[in-house]
């Protein structure tokens, strides 16, 4: 990828980067109740890694 990125491309990449973050920690007790201990990464909509899955951006 080019060293200098166009602002619109940076905007698209920024959105994709934020979609891969874990869900907030408070979603776990909200969905499952207080006793259940589950990783918040299970609630993220898009699971993508820069090594595994490439973007068409």
C-alpha atoms as a PDB file:
ATOM      1  CA  UNK A   1       0.000   0.000   0.000  1.00  0.00           C
ATOM      2  CA  UNK A   2       1.157   3.531  -0.669  1.00  0.00           C
ATOM      3  CA  UNK A   3       3.025   5.404   2.016  1.00  0.00           C
ATOM      4  CA  UNK A   4       0.798   8.486   1.626  1.00  0.00           C
ATOM      5  CA  UNK A   5      -2.867   7.548   1.818  1.00  0.00           C
ATOM      6  CA  UNK A   6      -5.747   9.574   0.460  1.00  0.00           C
ATOM      7  CA  UNK A   7      -8.027  10.902   3.236  1.00  0.00           C
ATOM      8  CA  UNK A   8     -11.041   8.948   1.967  1.00  0.00           C
ATOM      9  CA  UNK A   9      -9.041   5.701   2.022  1.00  0.00           C
ATOM     10  CA  UNK A  10      -7.806   6.473   5.538  1.00  0.00           C
ATOM     11  CA  UNK A  11     -11.407   7.029   6.590  1.00  0.00           C
ATOM     12  CA  UNK A  12     -12.454   3.625   5.210  1.00  0.00           C
ATOM     13  CA  UNK A  13      -9.483   1.869   6.818  1.00  0.00           C
ATOM     14  CA  UNK A  14     -10.219   3.572  10.132  1.00  0.00           C
ATOM     15  CA  UNK A  15     -13.802   2.293  10.086  1.00  0.00           C
ATOM     16  CA  UNK A  16     -12.660  -1.254   9.324  1.00  0.00           C
ATOM     17  CA  UNK A  17     -10.075  -1.091  12.115  1.00  0.00           C
ATOM     18  CA  UNK A  18     -12.675  -0.040  14.679  1.00  0.00           C
ATOM     19  CA  UNK A  19     -14.993  -2.908  13.650  1.00  0.00           C
ATOM     20  CA  UNK A  20     -12.407  -5.506  14.694  1.00  0.00           C
ATOM     21  CA  UNK A  21     -12.136  -4.314  18.309  1.00  0.00           C
ATOM     22  CA  UNK A  22     -13.667  -6.268  21.163  1.00  0.00           C
ATOM     23  CA  UNK A  23     -17.151  -5.444  22.312  1.00  0.00           C
ATOM     24  CA  UNK A  24     -17.409  -3.432  25.555  1.00  0.00           C
ATOM     25  CA  UNK A  25     -16.945  -5.468  28.742  1.00  0.00           C
ATOM     26  CA  UNK A  26     -20.425  -4.598  30.031  1.00  0.00           C
ATOM     27  CA  UNK A  27     -22.107  -6.505  27.167  1.00  0.00           C
ATOM     28  CA  UNK A  28     -21.219  -9.838  28.810  1.00  0.00           C
ATOM     29  CA  UNK A  29     -23.340  -9.460  31.982  1.00  0.00           C
ATOM     30  CA  UNK A  30     -26.039  -7.703  29.952  1.00  0.00           C
ATOM     31  CA  UNK A  31     -26.445 -10.695  27.620  1.00  0.00           C
ATOM     32  CA  UNK A  32     -25.632 -13.656  29.886  1.00  0.00           C
ATOM     33  CA  UNK A  33     -26.190 -12.404  33.444  1.00  0.00           C
ATOM     34  CA  UNK A  34     -23.658 -11.740  36.191  1.00  0.00           C
ATOM     35  CA  UNK A  35     -22.374 -15.274  36.746  1.00  0.00           C
ATOM     36  CA  UNK A  36     -21.218 -16.076  33.228  1.00  0.00           C
ATOM     37  CA  UNK A  37     -17.623 -15.298  32.255  1.00  0.00           C
ATOM     38  CA  UNK A  38     -17.251 -15.004  28.501  1.00  0.00           C
ATOM     39  CA  UNK A  39     -14.720 -13.086  26.446  1.00  0.00           C
ATOM     40  CA  UNK A  40     -16.181  -9.862  24.980  1.00  0.00           C
ATOM     41  CA  UNK A  41     -14.520 -10.666  21.659  1.00  0.00           C
ATOM     42  CA  UNK A  42     -17.356 -13.085  20.983  1.00  0.00           C
ATOM     43  CA  UNK A  43     -19.767 -10.174  20.564  1.00  0.00           C
ATOM     44  CA  UNK A  44     -17.849  -8.316  17.880  1.00  0.00           C
ATOM     45  CA  UNK A  45     -19.680  -8.229  14.572  1.00  0.00           C
ATOM     46  CA  UNK A  46     -16.659  -8.385  12.258  1.00  0.00           C
ATOM     47  CA  UNK A  47     -13.705 -10.614  13.089  1.00  0.00           C
ATOM     48  CA  UNK A  48     -10.791  -9.730  10.853  1.00  0.00           C
ATOM     49  CA  UNK A  49      -7.039  -9.732  11.289  1.00  0.00           C
ATOM     50  CA  UNK A  50      -4.497  -7.875   9.167  1.00  0.00           C
ATOM     51  CA  UNK A  51      -2.581 -11.107   8.528  1.00  0.00           C
ATOM     52  CA  UNK A  52      -5.473 -13.484   7.832  1.00  0.00           C
ATOM     53  CA  UNK A  53      -8.173 -11.560   5.954  1.00  0.00           C
ATOM     54  CA  UNK A  54      -7.433  -8.755   3.517  1.00  0.00           C
ATOM     55  CA  UNK A  55      -9.654  -5.775   2.758  1.00  0.00           C
ATOM     56  CA  UNK A  56     -10.805  -4.635  -0.635  1.00  0.00           C
ATOM     57  CA  UNK A  57     -10.279  -0.990   0.336  1.00  0.00           C
END
